Amino acid sequence: MSAVFFIIYQIGHMSIIMYLPSVALATLTKIDVNILIITMGAIAIVYSYTGGVKSVLWTDFIQGSVLLIGTAVGLFILIANLKGGFGDIASELASGKFISGKETIFNPNLLKDSIFLIILGSGINTLSSYVSSQDIVQRFTTTQNVKKLNKMMLTNGVLSIFIAYVFYLIGTGLYVYYQVQHPGSEGSSIPQDQIFTYLLLMIFQLE
């Protein structure tokens, strides 16, 4: 059962990973999203097969760099186009967008929703992937010693927290831009998984 659920999870996980960037690229290049998904899959198969784990590690490094730099730059661009800058995002977060006053911080009954339960569940889910997910474990086996492995784990944890905050700020910034400052604009009707790409295209006048 564990193996079956793992496979189902990976299929869903990889589907999202392939779909979301393909949607963004399709918006930019006007190429059909299905063609982009097939192309990306074919490229991944070729470089993994020909280059082995080393090629996977290098592409992971490049992808991680693009993710960190790209999202940080995207956040700065979004902030620059808000009327009040970061203050608008901070104001929205402080007024209940981050944690609503109705949310329960801790509930002794673990069958009830609470902020504590979300954090605990997310932590357990993350830790379980570090010991059971083959795509993560295979990266551990490439480290030279335990000291470097611990350093890698710590660095990954810090960067993961950083990127999570950046994503949350981007999401809140998009909410402020379209729902607070520009309600009823054309972008308000764009699907949520394409809204950030649409905003960048509009800012750079590519759409």
N, C-alpha and C. Protein backbone atom coordinates (compact mmCIF):
# COMPACT_ATOMS: atom_id res chain seq x y z
N MET A 1 0.82 -1.20 0.00
CA MET A 1 0.00 0.00 0.00
C MET A 1 0.87 1.27 0.00
N SER A 2 1.96 1.24 0.79
CA SER A 2 2.85 2.39 0.83
C SER A 2 3.44 2.67 -0.54
N ALA A 3 3.86 1.61 -1.24
CA ALA A 3 4.45 1.77 -2.57
C ALA A 3 3.43 2.32 -3.56
N VAL A 4 2.20 1.81 -3.48
CA VAL A 4 1.15 2.27 -4.40
C VAL A 4 0.83 3.74 -4.16
N PHE A 5 0.66 4.13 -2.88
CA PHE A 5 0.35 5.52 -2.56
C PHE A 5 1.51 6.44 -2.94
N PHE A 6 2.74 5.95 -2.78
CA PHE A 6 3.90 6.74 -3.16
C PHE A 6 3.88 7.02 -4.66
N ILE A 7 3.58 6.01 -5.44
CA ILE A 7 3.53 6.16 -6.90
C ILE A 7 2.42 7.13 -7.30
N ILE A 8 1.26 7.00 -6.66
CA ILE A 8 0.14 7.90 -6.96
C ILE A 8 0.52 9.33 -6.62
N TYR A 9 1.16 9.51 -5.47
CA TYR A 9 1.59 10.85 -5.05
C TYR A 9 2.58 11.44 -6.05
N GLN A 10 3.57 10.64 -6.48
CA GLN A 10 4.58 11.13 -7.40
C GLN A 10 3.98 11.49 -8.76
N ILE A 11 3.01 10.70 -9.21
CA ILE A 11 2.35 11.01 -10.49
C ILE A 11 1.64 12.36 -10.40
N GLY A 12 0.91 12.57 -9.30
CA GLY A 12 0.23 13.85 -9.11
C GLY A 12 1.20 15.00 -8.93
N HIS A 13 2.26 14.75 -8.16
CA HIS A 13 3.27 15.77 -7.89
C HIS A 13 3.97 16.20 -9.18
N MET A 14 4.42 15.23 -9.96
CA MET A 14 5.12 15.54 -11.20
C MET A 14 4.18 16.18 -12.23
N SER A 15 2.92 15.79 -12.19
CA SER A 15 1.96 16.39 -13.13
C SER A 15 1.84 17.89 -12.89
N ILE A 16 1.78 18.29 -11.61
CA ILE A 16 1.69 19.72 -11.28
C ILE A 16 2.97 20.43 -11.68
N ILE A 17 4.13 19.79 -11.40
CA ILE A 17 5.42 20.39 -11.74
C ILE A 17 5.54 20.61 -13.25
N MET A 18 5.03 19.67 -14.03
CA MET A 18 5.11 19.80 -15.48
C MET A 18 4.08 20.80 -16.01
N TYR A 19 2.92 20.84 -15.39
CA TYR A 19 1.82 21.65 -15.91
C TYR A 19 2.02 23.15 -15.69
N LEU A 20 2.35 23.55 -14.44
CA LEU A 20 2.40 24.98 -14.11
C LEU A 20 3.42 25.77 -14.92
N PRO A 21 4.68 25.32 -15.03
CA PRO A 21 5.61 26.09 -15.88
C PRO A 21 5.22 26.06 -17.35
N SER A 22 4.59 24.97 -17.79
CA SER A 22 4.16 24.88 -19.18
C SER A 22 3.07 25.90 -19.48
N VAL A 23 2.19 26.13 -18.51
CA VAL A 23 1.13 27.14 -18.68
C VAL A 23 1.76 28.52 -18.81
N ALA A 24 2.76 28.81 -17.96
CA ALA A 24 3.44 30.10 -18.04
C ALA A 24 4.16 30.27 -19.37
N LEU A 25 4.85 29.22 -19.81
CA LEU A 25 5.57 29.28 -21.08
C LEU A 25 4.61 29.41 -22.26
N ALA A 26 3.47 28.74 -22.15
CA ALA A 26 2.47 28.82 -23.22
C ALA A 26 1.95 30.24 -23.36
N THR A 27 1.78 30.93 -22.22
CA THR A 27 1.33 32.32 -22.26
C THR A 27 2.38 33.21 -22.91
N LEU A 28 3.65 32.92 -22.63
CA LEU A 28 4.73 33.74 -23.17
C LEU A 28 5.01 33.46 -24.64
N THR A 29 5.01 32.17 -25.00
CA THR A 29 5.45 31.77 -26.35
C THR A 29 4.31 31.51 -27.32
N LYS A 30 3.07 31.40 -26.80
CA LYS A 30 1.89 31.08 -27.62
C LYS A 30 1.96 29.66 -28.18
N ILE A 31 2.81 28.81 -27.62
CA ILE A 31 2.90 27.41 -28.03
C ILE A 31 1.89 26.62 -27.20
N ASP A 32 1.28 25.60 -27.81
CA ASP A 32 0.28 24.80 -27.13
C ASP A 32 0.87 24.17 -25.87
N VAL A 33 0.13 24.22 -24.77
CA VAL A 33 0.63 23.74 -23.48
C VAL A 33 0.95 22.24 -23.53
N ASN A 34 0.18 21.46 -24.29
CA ASN A 34 0.43 20.02 -24.38
C ASN A 34 1.76 19.72 -25.06
N ILE A 35 2.09 20.51 -26.09
CA ILE A 35 3.37 20.34 -26.77
C ILE A 35 4.52 20.67 -25.81
N LEU A 36 4.36 21.70 -25.01
CA LEU A 36 5.40 22.08 -24.06
C LEU A 36 5.60 21.01 -23.00
N ILE A 37 4.51 20.42 -22.51
CA ILE A 37 4.62 19.36 -21.50
C ILE A 37 5.37 18.15 -22.06
N ILE A 38 5.01 17.75 -23.27
CA ILE A 38 5.68 16.60 -23.91
C ILE A 38 7.17 16.91 -24.13
N THR A 39 7.45 18.12 -24.58
CA THR A 39 8.85 18.53 -24.83
C THR A 39 9.66 18.52 -23.55
N MET A 40 9.11 19.10 -22.49
CA MET A 40 9.81 19.12 -21.21
C MET A 40 10.05 17.71 -20.68
N GLY A 41 9.07 16.85 -20.81
CA GLY A 41 9.22 15.48 -20.36
C GLY A 41 10.29 14.75 -21.14
N ALA A 42 10.32 14.96 -22.46
CA ALA A 42 11.33 14.30 -23.30
C ALA A 42 12.74 14.77 -22.95
N ILE A 43 12.89 16.08 -22.73
CA ILE A 43 14.20 16.62 -22.36
C ILE A 43 14.67 16.05 -21.02
N ALA A 44 13.76 15.97 -20.06
CA ALA A 44 14.11 15.43 -18.74
C ALA A 44 14.54 13.97 -18.83
N ILE A 45 13.86 13.20 -19.66
CA ILE A 45 14.21 11.78 -19.83
C ILE A 45 15.59 11.65 -20.46
N VAL A 46 15.87 12.47 -21.46
CA VAL A 46 17.15 12.39 -22.18
C VAL A 46 18.31 12.75 -21.27
N TYR A 47 18.22 13.89 -20.56
CA TYR A 47 19.37 14.30 -19.74
C TYR A 47 19.55 13.39 -18.52
N SER A 48 18.44 12.84 -18.00
CA SER A 48 18.56 11.91 -16.87
C SER A 48 19.21 10.60 -17.31
N TYR A 49 18.82 10.13 -18.49
CA TYR A 49 19.33 8.85 -18.99
C TYR A 49 20.80 8.96 -19.40
N THR A 50 21.15 10.06 -20.05
CA THR A 50 22.51 10.20 -20.57
C THR A 50 23.50 10.70 -19.52
N GLY A 51 23.03 11.53 -18.59
CA GLY A 51 23.95 12.12 -17.61
C GLY A 51 23.90 11.51 -16.23
N GLY A 52 22.89 10.68 -15.96
CA GLY A 52 22.79 10.04 -14.66
C GLY A 52 22.48 11.02 -13.54
N VAL A 53 22.87 10.63 -12.31
CA VAL A 53 22.58 11.43 -11.13
C VAL A 53 23.27 12.78 -11.21
N LYS A 54 24.48 12.82 -11.78
CA LYS A 54 25.23 14.07 -11.87
C LYS A 54 24.45 15.13 -12.65
N SER A 55 23.85 14.73 -13.76
CA SER A 55 23.06 15.69 -14.55
C SER A 55 21.82 16.13 -13.79
N VAL A 56 21.22 15.19 -13.03
CA VAL A 56 20.04 15.54 -12.24
C VAL A 56 20.40 16.57 -11.18
N LEU A 57 21.54 16.37 -10.52
CA LEU A 57 21.97 17.30 -9.47
C LEU A 57 22.24 18.69 -10.04
N TRP A 58 22.89 18.75 -11.19
CA TRP A 58 23.20 20.05 -11.80
C TRP A 58 21.93 20.76 -12.26
N THR A 59 21.00 20.03 -12.84
CA THR A 59 19.74 20.66 -13.25
C THR A 59 18.94 21.11 -12.03
N ASP A 60 19.01 20.33 -10.94
CA ASP A 60 18.35 20.75 -9.70
C ASP A 60 18.95 22.06 -9.19
N PHE A 61 20.27 22.16 -9.27
CA PHE A 61 20.94 23.39 -8.82
C PHE A 61 20.50 24.58 -9.67
N ILE A 62 20.45 24.39 -10.99
CA ILE A 62 20.04 25.47 -11.89
C ILE A 62 18.58 25.85 -11.64
N GLN A 63 17.72 24.84 -11.49
CA GLN A 63 16.31 25.10 -11.25
C GLN A 63 16.11 25.82 -9.92
N GLY A 64 16.86 25.39 -8.89
CA GLY A 64 16.75 26.04 -7.60
C GLY A 64 17.19 27.49 -7.64
N SER A 65 18.27 27.76 -8.38
CA SER A 65 18.76 29.13 -8.52
C SER A 65 17.73 30.01 -9.23
N VAL A 66 17.15 29.47 -10.31
CA VAL A 66 16.12 30.21 -11.05
C VAL A 66 14.90 30.47 -10.16
N LEU A 67 14.53 29.46 -9.37
CA LEU A 67 13.38 29.60 -8.47
C LEU A 67 13.61 30.69 -7.45
N LEU A 68 14.77 30.67 -6.79
CA LEU A 68 15.06 31.65 -5.74
C LEU A 68 15.17 33.07 -6.31
N ILE A 69 15.97 33.20 -7.36
CA ILE A 69 16.20 34.52 -7.93
C ILE A 69 14.94 35.04 -8.63
N GLY A 70 14.30 34.17 -9.40
CA GLY A 70 13.12 34.58 -10.16
C GLY A 70 11.97 35.03 -9.28
N THR A 71 11.68 34.28 -8.21
CA THR A 71 10.57 34.65 -7.33
C THR A 71 10.90 35.92 -6.55
N ALA A 72 12.16 36.09 -6.13
CA ALA A 72 12.55 37.30 -5.41
C ALA A 72 12.40 38.53 -6.31
N VAL A 73 12.88 38.41 -7.56
CA VAL A 73 12.75 39.52 -8.51
C VAL A 73 11.27 39.79 -8.81
N GLY A 74 10.50 38.71 -8.98
CA GLY A 74 9.07 38.87 -9.24
C GLY A 74 8.37 39.60 -8.11
N LEU A 75 8.76 39.29 -6.85
CA LEU A 75 8.15 39.97 -5.71
C LEU A 75 8.49 41.45 -5.71
N PHE A 76 9.74 41.79 -6.00
CA PHE A 76 10.14 43.20 -6.05
C PHE A 76 9.39 43.96 -7.14
N ILE A 77 9.20 43.31 -8.29
CA ILE A 77 8.45 43.94 -9.39
C ILE A 77 7.00 44.18 -8.97
N LEU A 78 6.42 43.19 -8.31
CA LEU A 78 5.04 43.32 -7.85
C LEU A 78 4.91 44.45 -6.84
N ILE A 79 5.83 44.49 -5.88
CA ILE A 79 5.80 45.55 -4.85
C ILE A 79 5.93 46.93 -5.49
N ALA A 80 6.79 47.04 -6.50
CA ALA A 80 7.02 48.32 -7.17
C ALA A 80 5.77 48.81 -7.89
N ASN A 81 4.86 47.90 -8.22
CA ASN A 81 3.65 48.29 -8.94
C ASN A 81 2.42 48.41 -8.04
N LEU A 82 2.62 48.26 -6.74
CA LEU A 82 1.55 48.53 -5.79
C LEU A 82 1.61 50.00 -5.38
N LYS A 83 0.48 50.61 -5.18
CA LYS A 83 0.44 52.05 -4.89
C LYS A 83 1.20 52.39 -3.62
N GLY A 84 1.08 51.54 -2.62
CA GLY A 84 1.77 51.79 -1.35
C GLY A 84 2.96 50.90 -1.12
N GLY A 85 3.39 50.18 -2.15
CA GLY A 85 4.55 49.31 -2.02
C GLY A 85 4.32 48.18 -1.04
N PHE A 86 5.36 47.78 -0.33
CA PHE A 86 5.25 46.67 0.62
C PHE A 86 4.29 46.99 1.75
N GLY A 87 4.10 48.27 2.04
CA GLY A 87 3.17 48.66 3.10
C GLY A 87 1.77 48.15 2.86
N ASP A 88 1.36 48.08 1.59
CA ASP A 88 0.02 47.56 1.26
C ASP A 88 -0.09 46.08 1.62
N ILE A 89 0.97 45.34 1.34
CA ILE A 89 0.97 43.91 1.68
C ILE A 89 0.96 43.73 3.19
N ALA A 90 1.82 44.48 3.89
CA ALA A 90 1.90 44.38 5.35
C ALA A 90 0.57 44.75 5.99
N SER A 91 -0.08 45.78 5.46
CA SER A 91 -1.37 46.21 6.00
C SER A 91 -2.43 45.12 5.83
N GLU A 92 -2.41 44.47 4.67
CA GLU A 92 -3.37 43.40 4.41
C GLU A 92 -3.13 42.21 5.33
N LEU A 93 -1.86 41.88 5.53
CA LEU A 93 -1.52 40.77 6.42
C LEU A 93 -1.95 41.07 7.85
N ALA A 94 -1.74 42.32 8.28
CA ALA A 94 -2.06 42.71 9.65
C ALA A 94 -3.56 42.75 9.91
N SER A 95 -4.34 42.93 8.83
CA SER A 95 -5.80 43.06 9.00
C SER A 95 -6.52 41.71 8.94
N GLY A 96 -5.76 40.62 9.04
CA GLY A 96 -6.39 39.30 9.11
C GLY A 96 -6.19 38.43 7.90
N LYS A 97 -5.43 38.91 6.91
CA LYS A 97 -5.18 38.10 5.72
C LYS A 97 -4.24 36.94 6.04
N PHE A 98 -3.26 37.20 6.94
CA PHE A 98 -2.29 36.16 7.28
C PHE A 98 -2.92 35.13 8.21
N ILE A 99 -3.39 35.55 9.37
CA ILE A 99 -4.11 34.68 10.30
C ILE A 99 -5.37 35.42 10.73
N SER A 100 -6.50 34.89 10.37
CA SER A 100 -7.77 35.51 10.72
C SER A 100 -8.00 35.43 12.23
N GLY A 101 -8.69 36.41 12.74
CA GLY A 101 -9.02 36.41 14.16
C GLY A 101 -9.90 35.24 14.56
N LYS A 102 -10.55 34.61 13.58
CA LYS A 102 -11.42 33.47 13.86
C LYS A 102 -10.65 32.15 13.91
N GLU A 103 -9.38 32.19 13.48
CA GLU A 103 -8.58 30.96 13.46
C GLU A 103 -8.16 30.56 14.87
N THR A 104 -8.17 29.25 15.14
CA THR A 104 -7.74 28.72 16.43
C THR A 104 -6.25 28.41 16.37
N ILE A 105 -5.48 28.99 17.28
CA ILE A 105 -4.04 28.75 17.29
C ILE A 105 -3.75 27.32 17.73
N PHE A 106 -4.37 26.87 18.82
CA PHE A 106 -4.15 25.51 19.33
C PHE A 106 -5.44 24.95 19.88
N ASN A 107 -5.72 23.70 19.55
CA ASN A 107 -6.90 23.01 20.07
C ASN A 107 -6.46 21.64 20.58
N PRO A 108 -6.68 21.36 21.87
CA PRO A 108 -6.28 20.05 22.42
C PRO A 108 -6.87 18.87 21.66
N ASN A 109 -8.03 19.10 21.06
CA ASN A 109 -8.67 18.06 20.25
C ASN A 109 -8.03 18.07 18.86
N LEU A 110 -7.15 17.13 18.60
CA LEU A 110 -6.42 17.10 17.34
C LEU A 110 -7.29 16.75 16.14
N LEU A 111 -8.55 16.45 16.38
CA LEU A 111 -9.48 16.20 15.29
C LEU A 111 -10.10 17.51 14.79
N LYS A 112 -9.83 18.61 15.49
CA LYS A 112 -10.35 19.92 15.12
C LYS A 112 -9.24 20.74 14.45
N ASP A 113 -9.64 21.64 13.55
CA ASP A 113 -8.65 22.48 12.84
C ASP A 113 -7.98 23.46 13.80
N SER A 114 -6.69 23.69 13.56
CA SER A 114 -5.94 24.70 14.30
C SER A 114 -4.66 25.01 13.56
N ILE A 115 -4.07 26.18 13.84
CA ILE A 115 -2.80 26.56 13.23
C ILE A 115 -1.72 25.56 13.62
N PHE A 116 -1.71 25.16 14.89
CA PHE A 116 -0.72 24.20 15.37
C PHE A 116 -0.79 22.89 14.59
N LEU A 117 -2.00 22.43 14.32
CA LEU A 117 -2.17 21.16 13.61
C LEU A 117 -1.65 21.25 12.18
N ILE A 118 -1.86 22.40 11.54
CA ILE A 118 -1.37 22.60 10.17
C ILE A 118 0.16 22.55 10.15
N ILE A 119 0.79 23.26 11.11
CA ILE A 119 2.25 23.28 11.18
C ILE A 119 2.80 21.89 11.48
N LEU A 120 2.17 21.21 12.45
CA LEU A 120 2.61 19.86 12.82
C LEU A 120 2.48 18.90 11.65
N GLY A 121 1.33 18.95 10.98
CA GLY A 121 1.10 18.05 9.85
C GLY A 121 2.06 18.32 8.70
N SER A 122 2.31 19.59 8.43
CA SER A 122 3.24 19.95 7.36
C SER A 122 4.65 19.48 7.70
N GLY A 123 5.04 19.62 8.98
CA GLY A 123 6.36 19.17 9.40
C GLY A 123 6.53 17.68 9.27
N ILE A 124 5.53 16.92 9.70
CA ILE A 124 5.59 15.46 9.60
C ILE A 124 5.64 15.03 8.14
N ASN A 125 4.85 15.68 7.30
CA ASN A 125 4.83 15.35 5.88
C ASN A 125 6.20 15.61 5.23
N THR A 126 6.83 16.73 5.61
CA THR A 126 8.15 17.05 5.07
C THR A 126 9.20 16.06 5.54
N LEU A 127 9.19 15.74 6.84
CA LEU A 127 10.17 14.80 7.39
C LEU A 127 10.01 13.42 6.78
N SER A 128 8.78 13.01 6.56
CA SER A 128 8.55 11.68 5.99
C SER A 128 9.12 11.57 4.58
N SER A 129 9.04 12.68 3.81
CA SER A 129 9.57 12.65 2.45
C SER A 129 11.10 12.54 2.45
N TYR A 130 11.74 13.03 3.52
CA TYR A 130 13.20 12.99 3.59
C TYR A 130 13.73 11.59 3.88
N VAL A 131 12.87 10.69 4.35
CA VAL A 131 13.33 9.34 4.65
C VAL A 131 12.68 8.28 3.77
N SER A 132 11.67 8.67 3.00
CA SER A 132 10.96 7.66 2.22
C SER A 132 10.87 7.96 0.73
N SER A 133 11.07 9.22 0.35
CA SER A 133 10.93 9.59 -1.06
C SER A 133 12.22 9.31 -1.81
N GLN A 134 12.15 8.44 -2.79
CA GLN A 134 13.34 7.99 -3.52
C GLN A 134 14.05 9.15 -4.21
N ASP A 135 13.30 10.10 -4.76
CA ASP A 135 13.93 11.21 -5.48
C ASP A 135 14.72 12.12 -4.55
N ILE A 136 14.38 12.14 -3.25
CA ILE A 136 15.15 12.92 -2.29
C ILE A 136 16.29 12.10 -1.70
N VAL A 137 16.00 10.85 -1.36
CA VAL A 137 17.02 9.98 -0.75
C VAL A 137 18.19 9.76 -1.70
N GLN A 138 17.92 9.66 -3.01
CA GLN A 138 19.03 9.43 -3.95
C GLN A 138 20.01 10.59 -3.97
N ARG A 139 19.53 11.78 -3.62
CA ARG A 139 20.43 12.92 -3.54
C ARG A 139 21.33 12.83 -2.31
N PHE A 140 20.78 12.28 -1.21
CA PHE A 140 21.58 12.11 -0.01
C PHE A 140 22.77 11.18 -0.26
N THR A 141 22.53 10.17 -1.06
CA THR A 141 23.59 9.17 -1.30
C THR A 141 24.76 9.74 -2.09
N THR A 142 24.60 10.92 -2.67
CA THR A 142 25.70 11.52 -3.43
C THR A 142 26.62 12.36 -2.55
N THR A 143 26.22 12.62 -1.30
CA THR A 143 27.07 13.40 -0.41
C THR A 143 28.25 12.56 0.06
N GLN A 144 29.37 13.23 0.37
CA GLN A 144 30.61 12.53 0.69
C GLN A 144 30.67 12.08 2.15
N ASN A 145 30.02 12.82 3.05
CA ASN A 145 30.04 12.44 4.46
C ASN A 145 28.83 13.03 5.18
N VAL A 146 28.65 12.62 6.44
CA VAL A 146 27.48 13.05 7.21
C VAL A 146 27.52 14.56 7.48
N LYS A 147 28.72 15.11 7.68
CA LYS A 147 28.85 16.54 7.95
C LYS A 147 28.30 17.37 6.80
N LYS A 148 28.66 17.00 5.58
CA LYS A 148 28.16 17.72 4.41
C LYS A 148 26.67 17.49 4.22
N LEU A 149 26.22 16.29 4.59
CA LEU A 149 24.79 15.99 4.49
C LEU A 149 23.99 16.89 5.44
N ASN A 150 24.48 17.04 6.67
CA ASN A 150 23.79 17.91 7.64
C ASN A 150 23.78 19.35 7.16
N LYS A 151 24.89 19.79 6.57
CA LYS A 151 24.98 21.15 6.03
C LYS A 151 23.97 21.35 4.91
N MET A 152 23.84 20.34 4.05
CA MET A 152 22.88 20.41 2.95
C MET A 152 21.45 20.46 3.47
N MET A 153 21.16 19.66 4.50
CA MET A 153 19.81 19.63 5.07
C MET A 153 19.46 20.99 5.68
N LEU A 154 20.42 21.58 6.41
CA LEU A 154 20.17 22.88 7.05
C LEU A 154 19.95 23.96 6.00
N THR A 155 20.80 23.96 4.98
CA THR A 155 20.67 24.96 3.90
C THR A 155 19.34 24.82 3.20
N ASN A 156 18.95 23.60 2.92
CA ASN A 156 17.68 23.34 2.24
C ASN A 156 16.51 23.81 3.10
N GLY A 157 16.60 23.58 4.42
CA GLY A 157 15.52 24.01 5.30
C GLY A 157 15.36 25.52 5.33
N VAL A 158 16.48 26.24 5.42
CA VAL A 158 16.45 27.70 5.44
C VAL A 158 15.88 28.25 4.14
N LEU A 159 16.37 27.71 3.01
CA LEU A 159 15.90 28.19 1.71
C LEU A 159 14.42 27.86 1.49
N SER A 160 13.98 26.71 2.00
CA SER A 160 12.57 26.33 1.86
C SER A 160 11.67 27.29 2.62
N ILE A 161 12.08 27.68 3.83
CA ILE A 161 11.30 28.65 4.61
C ILE A 161 11.28 30.00 3.91
N PHE A 162 12.44 30.40 3.38
CA PHE A 162 12.53 31.68 2.67
C PHE A 162 11.60 31.71 1.47
N ILE A 163 11.64 30.66 0.65
CA ILE A 163 10.85 30.65 -0.58
C ILE A 163 9.36 30.56 -0.26
N ALA A 164 9.02 29.88 0.84
CA ALA A 164 7.61 29.80 1.24
C ALA A 164 7.07 31.18 1.60
N TYR A 165 7.87 31.98 2.33
CA TYR A 165 7.46 33.34 2.68
C TYR A 165 7.33 34.20 1.43
N VAL A 166 8.27 34.06 0.49
CA VAL A 166 8.21 34.85 -0.74
C VAL A 166 6.93 34.52 -1.51
N PHE A 167 6.60 33.23 -1.62
CA PHE A 167 5.38 32.83 -2.32
C PHE A 167 4.15 33.41 -1.64
N TYR A 168 4.15 33.38 -0.31
CA TYR A 168 2.99 33.91 0.41
C TYR A 168 2.85 35.40 0.19
N LEU A 169 3.97 36.12 0.21
CA LEU A 169 3.94 37.56 -0.02
C LEU A 169 3.48 37.88 -1.44
N ILE A 170 3.92 37.07 -2.42
CA ILE A 170 3.47 37.26 -3.80
C ILE A 170 1.96 37.06 -3.90
N GLY A 171 1.48 36.01 -3.28
CA GLY A 171 0.04 35.74 -3.31
C GLY A 171 -0.76 36.87 -2.69
N THR A 172 -0.29 37.37 -1.55
CA THR A 172 -0.97 38.49 -0.89
C THR A 172 -0.88 39.75 -1.74
N GLY A 173 0.30 39.96 -2.37
CA GLY A 173 0.47 41.12 -3.24
C GLY A 173 -0.47 41.09 -4.43
N LEU A 174 -0.66 39.90 -5.01
CA LEU A 174 -1.59 39.76 -6.13
C LEU A 174 -3.02 40.05 -5.68
N TYR A 175 -3.36 39.60 -4.47
CA TYR A 175 -4.68 39.87 -3.91
C TYR A 175 -4.88 41.38 -3.77
N VAL A 176 -3.87 42.06 -3.23
CA VAL A 176 -3.97 43.52 -3.05
C VAL A 176 -4.11 44.21 -4.40
N TYR A 177 -3.31 43.78 -5.38
CA TYR A 177 -3.31 44.44 -6.69
C TYR A 177 -4.66 44.30 -7.39
N TYR A 178 -5.22 43.08 -7.41
CA TYR A 178 -6.42 42.83 -8.20
C TYR A 178 -7.72 42.99 -7.42
N GLN A 179 -7.73 42.64 -6.14
CA GLN A 179 -8.97 42.69 -5.38
C GLN A 179 -9.16 43.99 -4.62
N VAL A 180 -8.06 44.65 -4.26
CA VAL A 180 -8.16 45.87 -3.47
C VAL A 180 -7.95 47.12 -4.33
N GLN A 181 -6.87 47.13 -5.12
CA GLN A 181 -6.52 48.33 -5.88
C GLN A 181 -7.11 48.36 -7.29
N HIS A 182 -7.31 47.20 -7.90
CA HIS A 182 -7.86 47.16 -9.26
C HIS A 182 -9.01 46.15 -9.37
N PRO A 183 -10.03 46.29 -8.55
CA PRO A 183 -11.16 45.35 -8.63
C PRO A 183 -11.91 45.50 -9.95
N GLY A 184 -12.33 44.38 -10.51
CA GLY A 184 -13.08 44.43 -11.75
C GLY A 184 -12.24 44.59 -12.99
N SER A 185 -10.91 44.62 -12.85
CA SER A 185 -10.05 44.74 -14.03
C SER A 185 -10.01 43.42 -14.78
N GLU A 186 -9.43 43.45 -15.98
CA GLU A 186 -9.39 42.25 -16.82
C GLU A 186 -8.66 41.11 -16.12
N GLY A 187 -7.62 41.45 -15.37
CA GLY A 187 -6.84 40.40 -14.70
C GLY A 187 -7.62 39.65 -13.64
N SER A 188 -8.70 40.25 -13.14
CA SER A 188 -9.49 39.60 -12.09
C SER A 188 -10.15 38.32 -12.59
N SER A 189 -10.33 38.19 -13.90
CA SER A 189 -10.99 37.01 -14.46
C SER A 189 -10.00 35.95 -14.93
N ILE A 190 -8.70 36.21 -14.83
CA ILE A 190 -7.67 35.26 -15.26
C ILE A 190 -7.61 34.10 -14.27
N PRO A 191 -7.47 32.84 -14.73
CA PRO A 191 -7.33 31.70 -13.81
C PRO A 191 -6.20 31.92 -12.81
N GLN A 192 -6.38 31.46 -11.60
CA GLN A 192 -5.42 31.74 -10.53
C GLN A 192 -4.03 31.21 -10.83
N ASP A 193 -3.92 30.09 -11.55
CA ASP A 193 -2.60 29.53 -11.82
C ASP A 193 -1.87 30.27 -12.94
N GLN A 194 -2.52 31.29 -13.51
CA GLN A 194 -1.89 32.07 -14.57
C GLN A 194 -1.79 33.57 -14.24
N ILE A 195 -2.30 33.96 -13.09
CA ILE A 195 -2.46 35.37 -12.79
C ILE A 195 -1.12 36.08 -12.64
N PHE A 196 -0.13 35.44 -12.04
CA PHE A 196 1.17 36.09 -11.84
C PHE A 196 1.87 36.30 -13.18
N THR A 197 1.81 35.29 -14.04
CA THR A 197 2.40 35.43 -15.38
C THR A 197 1.71 36.55 -16.15
N TYR A 198 0.40 36.62 -16.05
CA TYR A 198 -0.36 37.67 -16.75
C TYR A 198 0.06 39.05 -16.27
N LEU A 199 0.24 39.21 -14.96
CA LEU A 199 0.62 40.50 -14.41
C LEU A 199 1.99 40.93 -14.92
N LEU A 200 2.95 40.00 -14.96
CA LEU A 200 4.30 40.33 -15.45
C LEU A 200 4.26 40.69 -16.93
N LEU A 201 3.44 39.96 -17.70
CA LEU A 201 3.31 40.29 -19.12
C LEU A 201 2.73 41.68 -19.31
N MET A 202 1.76 42.02 -18.49
CA MET A 202 1.12 43.32 -18.60
C MET A 202 2.10 44.43 -18.21
N ILE A 203 2.88 44.20 -17.12
CA ILE A 203 3.85 45.20 -16.66
C ILE A 203 4.89 45.48 -17.74
N PHE A 204 5.37 44.41 -18.38
CA PHE A 204 6.39 44.57 -19.41
C PHE A 204 5.78 44.78 -20.80
N GLN A 205 4.43 44.93 -20.82
CA GLN A 205 3.71 45.21 -22.06
C GLN A 205 3.99 44.18 -23.15
N LEU A 206 3.95 42.89 -22.71
CA LEU A 206 4.15 41.81 -23.66
C LEU A 206 2.82 41.19 -24.06
N GLU A 207 1.76 41.59 -23.40
CA GLU A 207 0.43 41.03 -23.71
C GLU A 207 -0.39 42.05 -24.46
